Amino acid sequence: MVLEQPGPAATAPLVARDVPAPAPAAGEVLVRVAACAVCRTDLQLCEGDLEARRLPIVPGHQIVGVVEELGAGVGDLAPGDRVGVTWLAGACGTCDRCRDGRENLCRAATFTGWDRDGGFAELATVRADVAVPLPPGLADVAAAPLLCGGVIGYRSLRVSGIEPGGRLGLYGFGASARCAIQVAVSWGCEVHVCTRSEAERARAIELGAAWAGGYDTLPPAPLDAAITFAPAGDVVVAALRALDRGGTVAINAIHLDRVPEFPYDLLWWERCVRSVANVTRRDAREFLQLAGALPVRTDAEVHPLGGANAALARVADGSVQGAAVLIP
């Protein structure tokens, strides 16, 4: 399913095309796609909110598949290995950010489904060094939604500095937050969830939250750390208001509307606001192993590959149940 020209999801911007099977270059593997989840970033690309880096492009960056063929020089994977693919498609490996394990900040980083063809297809080529081995306990459809929202939720936990047993706030409770809460609860954290949706509050309690309320309500105790998932600056201020001294608010959002003016007292006492940008290979590998061991549970609605436009439309209007997953 190829994006040749961005347009509203309702206009079916993806077109079905038969193209030659890709061949893996040196350092790459050819993956037969078993499942690929649909992310809001895919929607932003297809609708033009995220400017395309090249067209035509095959979107999709939450790929689960099986290695079919090795490119030259690949020695740590073999045909038949089951792997996952994330948003990070590659990095230079030589800059200061890459050398200290922060390849997510590499200026030369490339991204799956944006810089190179992704997983809305039967086959995809992937750099072997970013392919993530998948634990056997995670089924294909269950694993696919974890490869973006799950991994970025895990990175947000790390960036927030929350310690096992700490008091954590989650602001917004979509797919990424639902993964993060399962990890935090497994760490013995006391989790407080703020969201407008009554249904999401109930879901948060089911998943182990100690308390759930609205954005305008303070949690019953000061938070050691908070993560905001809603793309609204007001929510960042609400999280700061709930934070204890020395705590961090980690912003898990690609885009954020204007952060409103707020009194310095909310930032005083060494409180901190940090953004979360992309993911690293370490994030993906640690999280997927953890997700398989717990296991992290996800909800998915399955669509055939040819139904990618319908899946995008359901993501756009908010009607998708859990995560939309395409099956070739």
C-alpha atoms as a PDB file:
ATOM      1  CA  MET A   1       0.000   0.000   0.000  1.00  0.00           C
ATOM      2  CA  VAL A   2       1.798   3.067  -1.332  1.00  0.00           C
ATOM      3  CA  LEU A   3       1.455   6.749  -0.515  1.00  0.00           C
ATOM      4  CA  GLU A   4       1.921   8.655  -3.772  1.00  0.00           C
ATOM      5  CA  GLN A   5       0.282  11.924  -2.711  1.00  0.00           C
ATOM      6  CA  PRO A   6      -0.887  12.859   0.813  1.00  0.00           C
ATOM      7  CA  GLY A   7      -4.560  13.546   1.385  1.00  0.00           C
ATOM      8  CA  PRO A   8      -7.289  13.249   4.027  1.00  0.00           C
ATOM      9  CA  ALA A   9      -7.813   9.739   5.331  1.00  0.00           C
ATOM     10  CA  ALA A  10     -11.400   9.883   4.082  1.00  0.00           C
ATOM     11  CA  THR A  11     -10.097  10.174   0.505  1.00  0.00           C
ATOM     12  CA  ALA A  12      -8.143   6.878   0.704  1.00  0.00           C
ATOM     13  CA  PRO A  13      -4.639   8.273   0.057  1.00  0.00           C
ATOM     14  CA  LEU A  14      -2.975   4.838  -0.088  1.00  0.00           C
ATOM     15  CA  VAL A  15      -3.019   2.889  -3.349  1.00  0.00           C
ATOM     16  CA  ALA A  16      -2.404  -0.811  -3.909  1.00  0.00           C
ATOM     17  CA  ARG A  17       0.582  -1.465  -6.131  1.00  0.00           C
ATOM     18  CA  ASP A  18       2.431  -4.578  -7.268  1.00  0.00           C
ATOM     19  CA  VAL A  19       6.130  -3.700  -7.147  1.00  0.00           C
ATOM     20  CA  PRO A  20       9.296  -5.781  -7.531  1.00  0.00           C
ATOM     21  CA  ALA A  21      10.341  -7.630  -4.383  1.00  0.00           C
ATOM     22  CA  PRO A  22      13.056  -5.639  -2.595  1.00  0.00           C
ATOM     23  CA  ALA A  23      16.514  -7.148  -2.221  1.00  0.00           C
ATOM     24  CA  PRO A  24      18.545  -6.672   0.973  1.00  0.00           C
ATOM     25  CA  ALA A  25      21.680  -4.546   0.605  1.00  0.00           C
ATOM     26  CA  ALA A  26      24.833  -5.219   2.603  1.00  0.00           C
ATOM     27  CA  GLY A  27      24.023  -5.153   6.310  1.00  0.00           C
ATOM     28  CA  GLU A  28      20.292  -5.606   5.682  1.00  0.00           C
ATOM     29  CA  VAL A  29      17.768  -8.429   5.872  1.00  0.00           C
ATOM     30  CA  LEU A  30      14.646  -9.119   3.860  1.00  0.00           C
ATOM     31  CA  VAL A  31      11.626  -9.586   6.128  1.00  0.00           C
ATOM     32  CA  ARG A  32       8.328 -11.207   5.181  1.00  0.00           C
ATOM     33  CA  VAL A  33       5.759  -9.121   7.019  1.00  0.00           C
ATOM     34  CA  ALA A  34       3.379 -11.026   9.292  1.00  0.00           C
ATOM     35  CA  ALA A  35       1.707  -7.960  10.850  1.00  0.00           C
ATOM     36  CA  CYS A  36       2.148  -4.188  10.881  1.00  0.00           C
ATOM     37  CA  ALA A  37       0.324  -1.905  13.304  1.00  0.00           C
ATOM     38  CA  VAL A  38      -1.012   1.475  12.191  1.00  0.00           C
ATOM     39  CA  CYS A  39       0.286   4.451  14.174  1.00  0.00           C
ATOM     40  CA  ARG A  40      -1.011   8.024  14.383  1.00  0.00           C
ATOM     41  CA  THR A  41       2.331   9.030  12.846  1.00  0.00           C
ATOM     42  CA  ASP A  42       1.371   6.971   9.762  1.00  0.00           C
ATOM     43  CA  LEU A  43      -1.871   8.948   9.641  1.00  0.00           C
ATOM     44  CA  GLN A  44       0.016  12.251   9.920  1.00  0.00           C
ATOM     45  CA  LEU A  45       2.290  11.231   7.051  1.00  0.00           C
ATOM     46  CA  CYS A  46      -0.567  10.066   4.832  1.00  0.00           C
ATOM     47  CA  GLU A  47      -2.598  13.225   5.457  1.00  0.00           C
ATOM     48  CA  GLY A  48       0.390  15.559   4.999  1.00  0.00           C
ATOM     49  CA  ASP A  49       0.626  16.853   8.575  1.00  0.00           C
ATOM     50  CA  LEU A  50       4.072  15.231   8.654  1.00  0.00           C
ATOM     51  CA  GLU A  51       5.889  16.373   5.536  1.00  0.00           C
ATOM     52  CA  ALA A  52       6.942  13.445   3.365  1.00  0.00           C
ATOM     53  CA  ARG A  53      10.684  12.993   2.927  1.00  0.00           C
ATOM     54  CA  ARG A  54      10.184  11.062  -0.292  1.00  0.00           C
ATOM     55  CA  LEU A  55       7.272   9.990  -2.459  1.00  0.00           C
ATOM     56  CA  PRO A  56       6.128   7.443  -3.276  1.00  0.00           C
ATOM     57  CA  ILE A  57       6.678   5.764   0.099  1.00  0.00           C
ATOM     58  CA  VAL A  58       5.333   2.638   1.810  1.00  0.00           C
ATOM     59  CA  PRO A  59       4.333   3.673   5.360  1.00  0.00           C
ATOM     60  CA  GLY A  60       4.355   1.488   8.449  1.00  0.00           C
ATOM     61  CA  HIS A  61       6.916   1.293  11.255  1.00  0.00           C
ATOM     62  CA  GLN A  62       5.536  -1.342  13.651  1.00  0.00           C
ATOM     63  CA  ILE A  63       6.532  -4.453  11.717  1.00  0.00           C
ATOM     64  CA  VAL A  64       6.540  -8.051  12.865  1.00  0.00           C
ATOM     65  CA  GLY A  65       7.933 -10.568  10.425  1.00  0.00           C
ATOM     66  CA  VAL A  66      10.307 -13.391   9.611  1.00  0.00           C
ATOM     67  CA  VAL A  67      13.746 -13.023   8.065  1.00  0.00           C
ATOM     68  CA  GLU A  68      13.760 -14.504   4.553  1.00  0.00           C
ATOM     69  CA  GLU A  69      17.127 -13.442   3.168  1.00  0.00           C
ATOM     70  CA  LEU A  70      20.387 -11.975   4.440  1.00  0.00           C
ATOM     71  CA  GLY A  71      22.388  -9.210   2.830  1.00  0.00           C
ATOM     72  CA  ALA A  72      26.171  -9.379   2.706  1.00  0.00           C
ATOM     73  CA  GLY A  73      27.906  -9.172   6.062  1.00  0.00           C
ATOM     74  CA  VAL A  74      24.935 -10.064   8.264  1.00  0.00           C
ATOM     75  CA  GLY A  75      26.012 -12.582  10.875  1.00  0.00           C
ATOM     76  CA  ASP A  76      23.752 -12.153  13.889  1.00  0.00           C
ATOM     77  CA  LEU A  77      20.444 -13.089  12.194  1.00  0.00           C
ATOM     78  CA  ALA A  78      19.424 -16.126  10.177  1.00  0.00           C
ATOM     79  CA  PRO A  79      16.586 -17.010   7.816  1.00  0.00           C
ATOM     80  CA  GLY A  80      13.553 -17.976   9.869  1.00  0.00           C
ATOM     81  CA  ASP A  81      14.323 -15.589  12.759  1.00  0.00           C
ATOM     82  CA  ARG A  82      11.307 -13.617  13.945  1.00  0.00           C
ATOM     83  CA  VAL A  83      11.993  -9.912  14.324  1.00  0.00           C
ATOM     84  CA  GLY A  84      10.317  -6.587  14.997  1.00  0.00           C
ATOM     85  CA  VAL A  85      11.020  -3.241  13.371  1.00  0.00           C
ATOM     86  CA  THR A  86      10.516   0.157  15.019  1.00  0.00           C
ATOM     87  CA  TRP A  87      10.444   3.814  13.932  1.00  0.00           C
ATOM     88  CA  LEU A  88      14.263   4.007  14.090  1.00  0.00           C
ATOM     89  CA  ALA A  89      15.550   2.719  10.742  1.00  0.00           C
ATOM     90  CA  GLY A  90      19.192   3.612  11.259  1.00  0.00           C
ATOM     91  CA  ALA A  91      21.737   6.092  12.613  1.00  0.00           C
ATOM     92  CA  CYS A  92      25.275   7.093  11.659  1.00  0.00           C
ATOM     93  CA  GLY A  93      26.914   5.226  14.559  1.00  0.00           C
ATOM     94  CA  THR A  94      29.833   7.657  14.737  1.00  0.00           C
ATOM     95  CA  CYS A  95      28.547  10.980  16.104  1.00  0.00           C
ATOM     96  CA  ASP A  96      28.772  11.831  19.800  1.00  0.00           C
ATOM     97  CA  ARG A  97      25.090  11.024  20.354  1.00  0.00           C
ATOM     98  CA  CYS A  98      25.433   7.583  18.763  1.00  0.00           C
ATOM     99  CA  ARG A  99      28.634   6.830  20.672  1.00  0.00           C
ATOM    100  CA  ASP A 100      26.966   7.454  24.030  1.00  0.00           C
ATOM    101  CA  GLY A 101      23.867   5.384  23.214  1.00  0.00           C
ATOM    102  CA  ARG A 102      21.568   8.238  22.207  1.00  0.00           C
ATOM    103  CA  GLU A 103      21.150   7.361  18.549  1.00  0.00           C
ATOM    104  CA  ASN A 104      17.575   8.655  18.792  1.00  0.00           C
ATOM    105  CA  LEU A 105      19.162  12.136  18.705  1.00  0.00           C
ATOM    106  CA  CYS A 106      21.505  11.433  15.760  1.00  0.00           C
ATOM    107  CA  ARG A 107      21.167  14.176  13.132  1.00  0.00           C
ATOM    108  CA  ALA A 108      21.597  11.556  10.411  1.00  0.00           C
ATOM    109  CA  ALA A 109      19.020   9.135  11.834  1.00  0.00           C
ATOM    110  CA  THR A 110      16.546   7.629   9.372  1.00  0.00           C
ATOM    111  CA  PHE A 111      13.037   6.411  10.072  1.00  0.00           C
ATOM    112  CA  THR A 112      10.950   3.470   8.902  1.00  0.00           C
ATOM    113  CA  GLY A 113       8.062   4.393   6.632  1.00  0.00           C
ATOM    114  CA  TRP A 114       9.344   7.968   6.303  1.00  0.00           C
ATOM    115  CA  ASP A 115      12.888   7.739   4.913  1.00  0.00           C
ATOM    116  CA  ARG A 116      12.639   4.152   3.695  1.00  0.00           C
ATOM    117  CA  ASP A 117       9.760   1.866   2.787  1.00  0.00           C
ATOM    118  CA  GLY A 118       7.946   0.374   5.746  1.00  0.00           C
ATOM    119  CA  GLY A 119       5.605  -2.472   6.580  1.00  0.00           C
ATOM    120  CA  PHE A 120       2.340  -1.760   4.742  1.00  0.00           C
ATOM    121  CA  ALA A 121       3.536  -4.460   2.369  1.00  0.00           C
ATOM    122  CA  GLU A 122       4.255  -8.174   2.078  1.00  0.00           C
ATOM    123  CA  LEU A 123       8.038  -7.695   2.175  1.00  0.00           C
ATOM    124  CA  ALA A 124      10.381  -5.073   3.627  1.00  0.00           C
ATOM    125  CA  THR A 125      14.128  -4.632   3.869  1.00  0.00           C
ATOM    126  CA  VAL A 126      15.556  -3.634   7.233  1.00  0.00           C
ATOM    127  CA  ARG A 127      19.000  -2.827   8.576  1.00  0.00           C
ATOM    128  CA  ALA A 128      19.989  -5.902  10.554  1.00  0.00           C
ATOM    129  CA  ASP A 129      21.379  -3.837  13.435  1.00  0.00           C
ATOM    130  CA  VAL A 130      17.985  -2.258  14.178  1.00  0.00           C
ATOM    131  CA  ALA A 131      15.896  -5.426  13.849  1.00  0.00           C
ATOM    132  CA  VAL A 132      14.625  -6.487  17.280  1.00  0.00           C
ATOM    133  CA  PRO A 133      14.526 -10.202  18.218  1.00  0.00           C
ATOM    134  CA  LEU A 134      11.026 -11.043  19.471  1.00  0.00           C
ATOM    135  CA  PRO A 135      10.298 -13.332  22.416  1.00  0.00           C
ATOM    136  CA  PRO A 136       8.310 -16.429  21.434  1.00  0.00           C
ATOM    137  CA  GLY A 137       5.451 -15.698  23.818  1.00  0.00           C
ATOM    138  CA  LEU A 138       4.290 -12.589  21.944  1.00  0.00           C
ATOM    139  CA  ALA A 139       1.932 -13.352  19.060  1.00  0.00           C
ATOM    140  CA  ASP A 140       2.373 -11.335  15.867  1.00  0.00           C
ATOM    141  CA  VAL A 141      -0.770  -9.211  16.260  1.00  0.00           C
ATOM    142  CA  ALA A 142      -0.047  -8.598  19.945  1.00  0.00           C
ATOM    143  CA  ALA A 143       3.574  -7.641  19.309  1.00  0.00           C
ATOM    144  CA  ALA A 144       3.023  -5.175  16.453  1.00  0.00           C
ATOM    145  CA  PRO A 145       1.398  -2.339  18.486  1.00  0.00           C
ATOM    146  CA  LEU A 146       4.196  -2.592  21.060  1.00  0.00           C
ATOM    147  CA  LEU A 147       6.842  -1.571  18.524  1.00  0.00           C
ATOM    148  CA  CYS A 148       5.999   2.131  18.652  1.00  0.00           C
ATOM    149  CA  GLY A 149       3.605   3.110  21.446  1.00  0.00           C
ATOM    150  CA  GLY A 150       4.983   0.430  23.751  1.00  0.00           C
ATOM    151  CA  VAL A 151       8.638   1.229  23.150  1.00  0.00           C
ATOM    152  CA  ILE A 152       8.149   5.008  23.348  1.00  0.00           C
ATOM    153  CA  GLY A 153       6.126   4.526  26.543  1.00  0.00           C
ATOM    154  CA  TYR A 154       9.021   2.557  28.000  1.00  0.00           C
ATOM    155  CA  ARG A 155      11.490   5.271  26.983  1.00  0.00           C
ATOM    156  CA  SER A 156       9.220   7.839  28.630  1.00  0.00           C
ATOM    157  CA  LEU A 157       9.422   5.891  31.879  1.00  0.00           C
ATOM    158  CA  ARG A 158      13.203   5.983  31.647  1.00  0.00           C
ATOM    159  CA  VAL A 159      13.305   9.698  30.809  1.00  0.00           C
ATOM    160  CA  SER A 160      10.946  10.519  33.682  1.00  0.00           C
ATOM    161  CA  GLY A 161      13.423   9.002  36.139  1.00  0.00           C
ATOM    162  CA  ILE A 162      10.720   7.051  37.971  1.00  0.00           C
ATOM    163  CA  GLU A 163      12.180   4.491  40.346  1.00  0.00           C
ATOM    164  CA  PRO A 164      10.622   1.164  41.352  1.00  0.00           C
ATOM    165  CA  GLY A 165       8.100   1.866  44.101  1.00  0.00           C
ATOM    166  CA  GLY A 166       7.796   5.546  43.134  1.00  0.00           C
ATOM    167  CA  ARG A 167       4.616   7.556  42.643  1.00  0.00           C
ATOM    168  CA  LEU A 168       3.947   8.104  38.921  1.00  0.00           C
ATOM    169  CA  GLY A 169       1.365  10.178  37.087  1.00  0.00           C
ATOM    170  CA  LEU A 170       0.141   9.345  33.562  1.00  0.00           C
ATOM    171  CA  TYR A 171      -1.690  12.175  31.788  1.00  0.00           C
ATOM    172  CA  GLY A 172      -3.744  10.788  28.935  1.00  0.00           C
ATOM    173  CA  PHE A 173      -4.479   7.092  28.646  1.00  0.00           C
ATOM    174  CA  GLY A 174      -4.178   5.910  25.062  1.00  0.00           C
ATOM    175  CA  ALA A 175      -2.297   2.902  23.725  1.00  0.00           C
ATOM    176  CA  SER A 176       1.169   4.062  24.815  1.00  0.00           C
ATOM    177  CA  ALA A 177       0.044   4.867  28.355  1.00  0.00           C
ATOM    178  CA  ARG A 178      -1.693   1.491  28.629  1.00  0.00           C
ATOM    179  CA  CYS A 179       1.642  -0.185  27.929  1.00  0.00           C
ATOM    180  CA  ALA A 180       3.547   2.104  30.306  1.00  0.00           C
ATOM    181  CA  ILE A 181       1.212   1.460  33.228  1.00  0.00           C
ATOM    182  CA  GLN A 182       1.724  -2.293  32.960  1.00  0.00           C
ATOM    183  CA  VAL A 183       5.493  -1.852  33.205  1.00  0.00           C
ATOM    184  CA  ALA A 184       5.219   0.676  36.062  1.00  0.00           C
ATOM    185  CA  VAL A 185       2.887  -1.567  38.066  1.00  0.00           C
ATOM    186  CA  SER A 186       5.312  -4.464  37.596  1.00  0.00           C
ATOM    187  CA  TRP A 187       7.988  -2.201  39.128  1.00  0.00           C
ATOM    188  CA  GLY A 188       5.804  -1.668  42.193  1.00  0.00           C
ATOM    189  CA  CYS A 189       4.989   1.947  41.315  1.00  0.00           C
ATOM    190  CA  GLU A 190       1.903   3.697  42.638  1.00  0.00           C
ATOM    191  CA  VAL A 191       0.308   4.975  39.442  1.00  0.00           C
ATOM    192  CA  HIS A 192      -2.151   7.872  39.193  1.00  0.00           C
ATOM    193  CA  VAL A 193      -3.938   8.460  35.875  1.00  0.00           C
ATOM    194  CA  CYS A 194      -5.521  11.691  34.644  1.00  0.00           C
ATOM    195  CA  THR A 195      -7.779  11.566  31.586  1.00  0.00           C
ATOM    196  CA  ARG A 196     -11.052  13.112  30.428  1.00  0.00           C
ATOM    197  CA  SER A 197     -12.596   9.748  29.519  1.00  0.00           C
ATOM    198  CA  GLU A 198     -14.581   7.877  32.152  1.00  0.00           C
ATOM    199  CA  ALA A 199     -14.043   4.644  30.208  1.00  0.00           C
ATOM    200  CA  GLU A 200     -10.273   5.209  30.203  1.00  0.00           C
ATOM    201  CA  ARG A 201     -10.313   5.893  33.953  1.00  0.00           C
ATOM    202  CA  ALA A 202     -12.072   2.583  34.518  1.00  0.00           C
ATOM    203  CA  ARG A 203      -9.553   0.845  32.249  1.00  0.00           C
ATOM    204  CA  ALA A 204      -6.704   2.417  34.220  1.00  0.00           C
ATOM    205  CA  ILE A 205      -8.053   1.021  37.481  1.00  0.00           C
ATOM    206  CA  GLU A 206      -8.392  -2.415  35.846  1.00  0.00           C
ATOM    207  CA  LEU A 207      -4.710  -2.231  34.856  1.00  0.00           C
ATOM    208  CA  GLY A 208      -3.572  -1.426  38.386  1.00  0.00           C
ATOM    209  CA  ALA A 209      -3.820   2.349  38.825  1.00  0.00           C
ATOM    210  CA  ALA A 210      -4.172   3.439  42.450  1.00  0.00           C
ATOM    211  CA  TRP A 211      -6.315   6.430  41.430  1.00  0.00           C
ATOM    212  CA  ALA A 212      -7.848   7.928  38.290  1.00  0.00           C
ATOM    213  CA  GLY A 213      -9.351  11.358  37.744  1.00  0.00           C
ATOM    214  CA  GLY A 214      -9.626  14.299  35.369  1.00  0.00           C
ATOM    215  CA  TYR A 215      -6.968  16.750  34.241  1.00  0.00           C
ATOM    216  CA  ASP A 216      -8.365  19.420  36.530  1.00  0.00           C
ATOM    217  CA  THR A 217      -8.113  17.232  39.636  1.00  0.00           C
ATOM    218  CA  LEU A 218      -4.910  16.819  41.623  1.00  0.00           C
ATOM    219  CA  PRO A 219      -3.874  13.255  42.446  1.00  0.00           C
ATOM    220  CA  PRO A 220      -4.222  12.481  46.167  1.00  0.00           C
ATOM    221  CA  ALA A 221      -0.448  12.702  46.774  1.00  0.00           C
ATOM    222  CA  PRO A 222       2.491  14.549  45.122  1.00  0.00           C
ATOM    223  CA  LEU A 223       4.069  12.688  42.191  1.00  0.00           C
ATOM    224  CA  ASP A 224       7.730  11.685  41.916  1.00  0.00           C
ATOM    225  CA  ALA A 225       7.417  11.763  38.122  1.00  0.00           C
ATOM    226  CA  ALA A 226       4.788  12.224  35.446  1.00  0.00           C
ATOM    227  CA  ILE A 227       4.409  11.436  31.751  1.00  0.00           C
ATOM    228  CA  THR A 228       2.070  13.410  29.503  1.00  0.00           C
ATOM    229  CA  PHE A 229       0.635  11.647  26.459  1.00  0.00           C
ATOM    230  CA  ALA A 230      -1.969  14.213  25.384  1.00  0.00           C
ATOM    231  CA  PRO A 231      -0.633  16.723  22.792  1.00  0.00           C
ATOM    232  CA  ALA A 232      -1.838  19.698  24.827  1.00  0.00           C
ATOM    233  CA  GLY A 233       0.290  22.228  26.691  1.00  0.00           C
ATOM    234  CA  ASP A 234      -2.390  22.630  29.365  1.00  0.00           C
ATOM    235  CA  VAL A 235      -1.813  19.009  30.345  1.00  0.00           C
ATOM    236  CA  VAL A 236       1.922  19.633  30.865  1.00  0.00           C
ATOM    237  CA  VAL A 237       1.062  22.428  33.300  1.00  0.00           C
ATOM    238  CA  ALA A 238      -1.433  20.161  35.091  1.00  0.00           C
ATOM    239  CA  ALA A 239       1.286  17.538  35.504  1.00  0.00           C
ATOM    240  CA  LEU A 240       3.743  20.123  36.845  1.00  0.00           C
ATOM    241  CA  ARG A 241       1.142  21.227  39.372  1.00  0.00           C
ATOM    242  CA  ALA A 242       0.930  17.659  40.710  1.00  0.00           C
ATOM    243  CA  LEU A 243       4.699  17.102  40.859  1.00  0.00           C
ATOM    244  CA  ASP A 244       6.709  16.816  44.065  1.00  0.00           C
ATOM    245  CA  ARG A 245       9.998  18.659  44.564  1.00  0.00           C
ATOM    246  CA  GLY A 246      12.779  17.418  42.276  1.00  0.00           C
ATOM    247  CA  GLY A 247      10.379  15.520  40.010  1.00  0.00           C
ATOM    248  CA  THR A 248      10.299  15.352  36.208  1.00  0.00           C
ATOM    249  CA  VAL A 249       7.516  15.696  33.665  1.00  0.00           C
ATOM    250  CA  ALA A 250       8.357  13.704  30.504  1.00  0.00           C
ATOM    251  CA  ILE A 251       6.388  14.804  27.432  1.00  0.00           C
ATOM    252  CA  ASN A 252       5.521  11.827  25.219  1.00  0.00           C
ATOM    253  CA  ALA A 253       4.274  13.734  22.160  1.00  0.00           C
ATOM    254  CA  ILE A 254       5.697  14.534  18.732  1.00  0.00           C
ATOM    255  CA  HIS A 255       3.642  17.714  18.489  1.00  0.00           C
ATOM    256  CA  LEU A 256       2.408  19.955  21.313  1.00  0.00           C
ATOM    257  CA  ASP A 257       0.209  23.008  21.120  1.00  0.00           C
ATOM    258  CA  ARG A 258       1.247  26.175  22.905  1.00  0.00           C
ATOM    259  CA  VAL A 259       2.228  25.720  26.553  1.00  0.00           C
ATOM    260  CA  PRO A 260       0.296  28.399  28.437  1.00  0.00           C
ATOM    261  CA  GLU A 261       1.928  30.836  30.805  1.00  0.00           C
ATOM    262  CA  PHE A 262       2.329  29.419  34.303  1.00  0.00           C
ATOM    263  CA  PRO A 263       3.836  30.703  37.570  1.00  0.00           C
ATOM    264  CA  TYR A 264       7.494  29.927  38.163  1.00  0.00           C
ATOM    265  CA  ASP A 265       6.522  28.359  41.495  1.00  0.00           C
ATOM    266  CA  LEU A 266       5.407  25.275  39.525  1.00  0.00           C
ATOM    267  CA  LEU A 267       8.959  24.823  38.224  1.00  0.00           C
ATOM    268  CA  TRP A 268      10.732  25.923  41.401  1.00  0.00           C
ATOM    269  CA  TRP A 269      12.292  23.293  43.697  1.00  0.00           C
ATOM    270  CA  GLU A 270      14.251  21.753  40.836  1.00  0.00           C
ATOM    271  CA  ARG A 271      11.277  20.372  38.984  1.00  0.00           C
ATOM    272  CA  CYS A 272      12.100  19.491  35.372  1.00  0.00           C
ATOM    273  CA  VAL A 273      10.292  19.264  32.021  1.00  0.00           C
ATOM    274  CA  ARG A 274      11.794  16.968  29.348  1.00  0.00           C
ATOM    275  CA  SER A 275      10.707  15.918  25.882  1.00  0.00           C
ATOM    276  CA  VAL A 276      10.893  12.349  24.611  1.00  0.00           C
ATOM    277  CA  ALA A 277      12.160  12.018  21.032  1.00  0.00           C
ATOM    278  CA  ASN A 278      12.160   8.736  19.082  1.00  0.00           C
ATOM    279  CA  VAL A 279      13.588   5.507  20.511  1.00  0.00           C
ATOM    280  CA  THR A 280      16.879   3.629  20.679  1.00  0.00           C
ATOM    281  CA  ARG A 281      17.716   0.000  19.975  1.00  0.00           C
ATOM    282  CA  ARG A 282      18.279  -0.477  23.692  1.00  0.00           C
ATOM    283  CA  ASP A 283      14.750   0.777  24.423  1.00  0.00           C
ATOM    284  CA  ALA A 284      13.250  -1.633  21.920  1.00  0.00           C
ATOM    285  CA  ARG A 285      15.204  -4.698  22.987  1.00  0.00           C
ATOM    286  CA  GLU A 286      14.714  -4.151  26.719  1.00  0.00           C
ATOM    287  CA  PHE A 287      11.022  -3.413  26.379  1.00  0.00           C
ATOM    288  CA  LEU A 288      10.188  -6.319  24.072  1.00  0.00           C
ATOM    289  CA  GLN A 289      11.881  -8.779  26.417  1.00  0.00           C
ATOM    290  CA  LEU A 290      10.003  -7.256  29.352  1.00  0.00           C
ATOM    291  CA  ALA A 291       6.736  -7.265  27.395  1.00  0.00           C
ATOM    292  CA  GLY A 292       7.134 -10.949  26.675  1.00  0.00           C
ATOM    293  CA  ALA A 293       7.935 -11.797  30.287  1.00  0.00           C
ATOM    294  CA  LEU A 294       5.102  -9.873  31.990  1.00  0.00           C
ATOM    295  CA  PRO A 295       3.348 -10.126  29.448  1.00  0.00           C
ATOM    296  CA  VAL A 296       2.175  -6.659  28.361  1.00  0.00           C
ATOM    297  CA  ARG A 297      -1.390  -6.950  27.069  1.00  0.00           C
ATOM    298  CA  THR A 298      -2.668  -5.003  24.063  1.00  0.00           C
ATOM    299  CA  ASP A 299      -5.996  -4.707  22.272  1.00  0.00           C
ATOM    300  CA  ALA A 300      -5.973  -4.949  18.491  1.00  0.00           C
ATOM    301  CA  GLU A 301      -8.435  -4.772  15.628  1.00  0.00           C
ATOM    302  CA  VAL A 302      -7.218  -6.640  12.560  1.00  0.00           C
ATOM    303  CA  HIS A 303      -7.516  -5.393   8.966  1.00  0.00           C
ATOM    304  CA  PRO A 304      -6.287  -6.976   5.746  1.00  0.00           C
ATOM    305  CA  LEU A 305      -3.391  -5.172   4.077  1.00  0.00           C
ATOM    306  CA  GLY A 306      -5.731  -3.985   1.328  1.00  0.00           C
ATOM    307  CA  GLY A 307      -7.903  -2.370   4.016  1.00  0.00           C
ATOM    308  CA  ALA A 308      -5.158   0.041   5.096  1.00  0.00           C
ATOM    309  CA  ASN A 309      -7.226   3.087   4.080  1.00  0.00           C
ATOM    310  CA  ALA A 310     -10.148   1.907   6.202  1.00  0.00           C
ATOM    311  CA  ALA A 311      -7.785   1.400   9.144  1.00  0.00           C
ATOM    312  CA  LEU A 312      -6.349   4.907   8.675  1.00  0.00           C
ATOM    313  CA  ALA A 313      -9.858   6.377   8.592  1.00  0.00           C
ATOM    314  CA  ARG A 314     -10.736   4.638  11.857  1.00  0.00           C
ATOM    315  CA  VAL A 315      -7.552   5.966  13.478  1.00  0.00           C
ATOM    316  CA  ALA A 316      -8.450   9.443  12.195  1.00  0.00           C
ATOM    317  CA  ASP A 317     -11.975   9.459  13.622  1.00  0.00           C
ATOM    318  CA  GLY A 318     -11.015   7.763  16.871  1.00  0.00           C
ATOM    319  CA  SER A 319     -13.245   4.723  16.370  1.00  0.00           C
ATOM    320  CA  VAL A 320     -10.464   2.130  16.253  1.00  0.00           C
ATOM    321  CA  GLN A 321     -10.625  -0.323  19.140  1.00  0.00           C
ATOM    322  CA  GLY A 322      -7.154  -0.599  20.663  1.00  0.00           C
ATOM    323  CA  ALA A 323      -4.644  -0.577  17.798  1.00  0.00           C
ATOM    324  CA  ALA A 324      -5.324  -1.213  14.124  1.00  0.00           C
ATOM    325  CA  VAL A 325      -3.088  -3.996  12.766  1.00  0.00           C
ATOM    326  CA  LEU A 326      -2.657  -4.868   9.091  1.00  0.00           C
ATOM    327  CA  ILE A 327      -2.199  -8.512   8.055  1.00  0.00           C
ATOM    328  CA  PRO A 328      -0.841  -9.223   4.545  1.00  0.00           C
END
